[in-house]
Protein backbone atom coordinates (compact mmCIF):
# COMPACT_ATOMS: atom_id res chain seq x y z
CA MET A 1 -10.85 33.61 -17.86
CA LYS A 2 -11.14 31.91 -14.44
CA LYS A 3 -12.04 28.58 -16.12
CA ILE A 4 -9.10 28.92 -18.49
CA LEU A 5 -6.69 29.60 -15.61
CA THR A 6 -8.07 26.67 -13.61
CA THR A 7 -7.79 24.31 -16.58
CA THR A 8 -4.27 25.50 -17.32
CA LEU A 9 -3.25 24.99 -13.68
CA LEU A 10 -4.69 21.46 -13.58
CA CYS A 11 -2.94 20.56 -16.83
CA ALA A 12 0.33 21.93 -15.50
CA VAL A 13 0.00 19.89 -12.30
CA GLY A 14 -0.83 16.78 -14.33
CA ILE A 15 2.14 17.27 -16.65
CA PHE A 16 4.44 17.90 -13.67
CA SER A 17 3.21 14.79 -11.89
CA PHE A 18 3.63 12.67 -15.02
CA ALA A 19 7.13 14.05 -15.54
CA GLN A 20 8.05 13.07 -11.96
CA THR A 21 6.59 9.57 -12.30
CA LYS A 22 9.13 6.75 -12.12
CA ILE A 23 8.73 3.22 -13.41
CA GLY A 24 10.51 0.39 -11.65
CA VAL A 25 11.21 -3.28 -12.23
CA LYS A 26 12.03 -5.82 -9.54
CA ALA A 27 12.77 -9.51 -9.05
CA GLY A 28 13.92 -11.78 -6.31
CA VAL A 29 13.31 -14.78 -4.10
CA THR A 30 10.34 -15.50 -1.83
CA LEU A 31 10.24 -17.64 1.30
CA PRO A 32 6.49 -18.24 1.62
CA THR A 33 4.73 -20.05 4.41
CA MET A 34 1.18 -20.25 5.75
CA SER A 35 -0.63 -19.51 9.00
CA SER A 36 -3.00 -22.33 9.99
CA HIS A 37 -5.74 -22.27 12.60
CA SER A 38 -8.77 -24.44 13.34
CA THR A 39 -11.36 -24.57 16.11
CA ALA A 40 -12.06 -28.24 15.34
CA GLN A 41 -10.50 -30.90 17.56
CA ILE A 42 -9.34 -33.58 15.15
CA PHE A 43 -8.58 -36.81 16.97
CA ASP A 44 -6.10 -38.19 14.45
CA GLY A 45 -3.90 -35.13 14.07
CA PRO A 46 -3.22 -31.58 15.23
CA PRO A 47 -5.97 -28.97 14.58
CA GLU A 48 -3.29 -26.55 13.43
CA TYR A 49 -0.57 -27.40 10.91
CA ASP A 50 2.91 -26.02 11.48
CA PHE A 51 3.83 -24.78 8.02
CA LYS A 52 7.47 -24.18 7.08
CA SER A 53 8.66 -22.02 4.21
CA ASN A 54 9.04 -23.00 0.58
CA THR A 55 11.43 -21.27 -1.79
CA SER A 56 9.97 -19.51 -4.82
CA PHE A 57 10.42 -16.28 -6.77
CA TYR A 58 8.75 -13.05 -7.82
CA ILE A 59 9.06 -10.62 -10.72
CA GLY A 60 7.14 -7.44 -11.35
CA GLY A 61 6.98 -3.72 -11.87
CA THR A 62 5.99 -0.56 -10.01
CA VAL A 63 4.99 3.02 -10.79
CA ASP A 64 5.84 5.81 -8.35
CA PHE A 65 3.48 8.79 -8.21
CA PRO A 66 5.27 11.39 -6.04
CA ILE A 67 3.14 13.42 -3.67
CA SER A 68 6.09 15.24 -2.12
CA LYS A 69 9.88 14.96 -2.07
CA THR A 70 9.75 12.21 0.56
CA PHE A 71 6.37 10.54 -0.09
CA ALA A 72 4.88 8.65 -3.05
CA ILE A 73 2.01 6.33 -3.89
CA GLN A 74 3.34 3.16 -5.50
CA PRO A 75 0.96 0.74 -7.26
CA GLY A 76 2.45 -2.33 -8.89
CA LEU A 77 1.90 -5.66 -10.59
CA THR A 78 3.77 -8.78 -9.49
CA LEU A 79 3.97 -12.45 -10.40
CA ILE A 80 4.72 -14.05 -7.03
CA GLY A 81 5.12 -17.54 -5.64
CA LYS A 82 3.41 -18.50 -2.37
CA GLY A 83 2.63 -21.69 -0.45
CA GLY A 84 4.27 -23.72 2.30
CA LYS A 85 5.07 -27.23 3.52
CA THR A 86 4.08 -29.15 6.63
CA GLU A 87 4.00 -32.56 8.27
CA VAL A 88 0.59 -34.29 7.97
CA PHE A 89 -1.16 -37.30 9.44
CA GLU A 90 -4.39 -38.51 7.88
CA SER A 91 -6.58 -41.51 8.60
CA ASN A 92 -9.78 -43.18 7.50
CA PHE A 93 -11.34 -45.60 9.97
CA GLU A 94 -14.27 -46.79 7.89
CA PRO A 95 -15.16 -50.45 8.47
CA ASN A 96 -13.02 -52.80 6.38
CA ASN A 97 -11.17 -49.80 4.93
CA LEU A 98 -8.47 -48.77 7.42
CA PHE A 99 -6.10 -46.26 5.84
CA THR A 100 -3.47 -43.94 7.34
CA PHE A 101 -0.92 -41.61 5.78
CA GLN A 102 1.99 -39.88 7.47
CA GLY A 103 4.43 -37.65 5.62
CA THR A 104 4.88 -34.17 4.16
CA TYR A 105 2.53 -31.92 2.22
CA LYS A 106 4.00 -29.17 0.04
CA LEU A 107 1.84 -26.50 -1.59
CA SER A 108 3.33 -24.30 -4.33
CA THR A 109 1.08 -21.58 -5.77
CA MET A 110 1.58 -18.71 -8.19
CA TYR A 111 -0.36 -15.44 -7.95
CA ILE A 112 -0.80 -12.23 -9.89
CA GLU A 113 -0.65 -9.59 -7.17
CA LEU A 114 -1.69 -5.92 -7.28
CA PRO A 115 -0.23 -3.95 -4.36
CA VAL A 116 -0.77 -0.24 -3.68
CA ASN A 117 1.84 1.02 -1.22
CA ALA A 118 2.46 4.33 0.49
CA VAL A 119 6.24 4.80 0.33
CA PHE A 120 8.47 7.19 2.29
CA ASN A 121 12.09 7.86 1.32
CA PHE A 122 14.90 9.86 2.89
CA ASP A 123 18.37 10.77 1.62
CA LEU A 124 21.12 8.71 3.19
CA GLY A 125 24.71 8.55 2.01
CA VAL A 126 25.04 7.98 -1.74
CA GLY A 127 21.34 7.18 -2.12
CA LYS A 128 18.15 7.01 -0.15
CA ILE A 129 16.47 4.65 2.26
CA PHE A 130 12.82 3.84 1.68
CA PHE A 131 10.05 2.02 3.50
CA GLY A 132 6.33 1.66 3.09
CA ALA A 133 3.17 -0.38 3.44
CA GLY A 134 -0.22 -0.84 1.84
CA PRO A 135 -2.93 -3.29 0.83
CA TYR A 136 -2.72 -5.91 -1.89
CA TYR A 137 -5.12 -8.16 -3.74
CA ALA A 138 -3.86 -11.30 -5.46
CA VAL A 139 -5.43 -13.84 -7.80
CA ALA A 140 -4.11 -17.42 -7.97
CA ILE A 141 -3.29 -18.57 -11.50
CA SER A 142 -1.67 -21.95 -10.84
CA GLY A 143 -0.78 -24.35 -8.06
CA GLU A 144 0.69 -27.76 -7.33
CA ALA A 145 0.41 -30.00 -4.26
CA ARG A 146 2.95 -32.71 -3.46
CA ARG A 147 2.67 -35.54 -0.92
CA ASN A 148 5.54 -37.73 0.22
CA GLY A 149 5.36 -40.32 2.98
CA MET A 150 4.19 -43.73 4.14
CA ALA A 151 0.65 -45.04 3.71
CA THR A 152 -0.74 -48.00 5.66
CA SER A 153 -3.71 -50.02 4.48
CA SER A 154 -3.47 -53.77 4.06
CA SER A 155 0.29 -53.15 3.71
CA ILE A 156 2.79 -50.32 4.10
CA THR A 157 3.41 -48.34 0.92
CA THR A 158 5.65 -45.42 0.07
CA ILE A 159 3.66 -42.62 -1.58
CA SER A 160 5.07 -39.81 -3.70
CA SER A 161 2.44 -37.89 -5.63
CA LYS A 162 1.70 -34.49 -7.10
CA GLN A 163 -1.44 -32.93 -8.47
CA ASP A 164 -2.59 -29.61 -9.86
CA VAL A 165 -4.51 -27.42 -7.42
CA GLU A 166 -8.02 -26.30 -8.32
CA PHE A 167 -9.16 -22.85 -7.22
CA GLY A 168 -12.71 -21.79 -6.40
CA SER A 169 -15.17 -21.60 -3.51
CA ASN A 170 -15.94 -25.33 -3.83
CA LYS A 171 -12.46 -26.45 -4.88
CA ASP A 172 -9.14 -27.02 -3.10
CA TYR A 173 -8.43 -23.37 -2.25
CA ARG A 174 -10.00 -19.97 -2.80
CA ARG A 175 -8.60 -18.03 -5.73
CA GLY A 176 -8.53 -14.56 -4.14
CA ASP A 177 -6.04 -13.43 -1.50
CA PHE A 178 -6.23 -10.04 0.25
CA GLY A 179 -3.70 -8.67 2.71
CA LEU A 180 -1.09 -6.08 3.63
CA ASN A 181 2.39 -5.47 2.22
CA PHE A 182 5.39 -4.09 4.10
CA LEU A 183 8.61 -3.10 2.35
CA ALA A 184 11.98 -1.49 3.01
CA GLY A 185 15.17 -1.00 1.05
CA TYR A 186 17.99 1.21 -0.14
CA GLN A 187 18.28 2.84 -3.56
CA LEU A 188 21.38 4.34 -5.17
CA LYS A 189 21.24 7.54 -7.18
CA ASN A 190 21.58 5.55 -10.43
CA GLY A 191 18.24 3.84 -9.70
CA PHE A 192 19.54 0.45 -8.56
CA ASN A 193 18.05 -0.81 -5.29
CA ILE A 194 17.98 -3.73 -2.91
CA HIS A 195 14.85 -4.40 -0.91
CA ALA A 196 12.95 -6.76 1.36
CA GLY A 197 9.24 -7.23 1.86
CA TYR A 198 6.64 -9.10 3.83
CA GLY A 199 3.13 -10.04 2.73
CA LEU A 200 0.59 -10.60 5.50
CA GLY A 201 -2.51 -12.41 4.23
CA LEU A 202 -5.69 -11.29 5.99
CA THR A 203 -8.22 -13.58 4.29
CA SER A 204 -8.29 -17.36 4.50
CA ILE A 205 -7.82 -19.32 1.28
CA ASP A 206 -9.22 -22.50 2.85
CA THR A 207 -12.58 -23.69 1.53
CA ASP A 208 -13.37 -26.15 4.34
CA ASP A 209 -15.89 -24.07 6.30
CA PHE A 210 -17.17 -27.17 8.14
CA ASP A 211 -14.10 -27.33 10.37
CA GLU A 212 -13.98 -23.53 10.78
CA THR A 213 -10.42 -23.56 9.55
CA SER A 214 -8.24 -20.64 8.55
CA LEU A 215 -5.29 -20.79 6.18
CA LYS A 216 -3.54 -17.51 5.34
CA ASN A 217 -0.53 -16.70 3.18
CA ARG A 218 2.67 -15.29 4.66
CA VAL A 219 5.44 -14.24 2.25
CA LEU A 220 8.95 -12.99 3.11
CA SER A 221 10.86 -11.70 0.07
CA PHE A 222 14.29 -10.34 -0.86
CA GLY A 223 15.26 -8.84 -4.18
CA ILE A 224 16.83 -6.21 -6.38
CA GLY A 225 15.26 -3.57 -8.58
CA PHE A 226 15.85 -0.62 -10.85
CA SER A 227 13.90 2.63 -11.29
CA PHE A 228 13.86 4.62 -14.55
């Protein structure tokens, strides 16, 4: 009898939790940039690049598992654009092969991101305000690098090029990206919401270990969503 009661109680809790579960969809714009740091002293340029933001987008979904009236665990799945752009100066002083390049470097990457956030919400006016945070892990699925500027060799040449980015430990950038998410927003009673978020990359995606460099994603986002 005790086993039957326990099983019945667990099933009831599971059914109740499932009934309270809400599915959400979201989309919006991202303003990604990158944090750069290096301990190497490079004589022909700054050891740290000053990355500015790109403009990209994100689209995804969430599932809310309520723990209480004001608290829920919210895993999700998002297609999100990251990257950044910066001024660069490169040179090669090999004998009989002098080459310099000065211009801009723009990196545009696309990730599949899996965040798991702890979300708090409180009634306010005709809806509720919510905020939360949690870890994420993202996997790069595509990327493109663009260079625009002036190259000097035997003559001065204008360069405008783009190439696909290769991901891997021995490639252009690492494929995995781990960090923390922060989010806040306001949701109406009909399920419509507006929100903002910030992704703080904790692991470097740079593969150049020789220079002891660090390159981490930073993503500011704004969007709208709807919960069913």
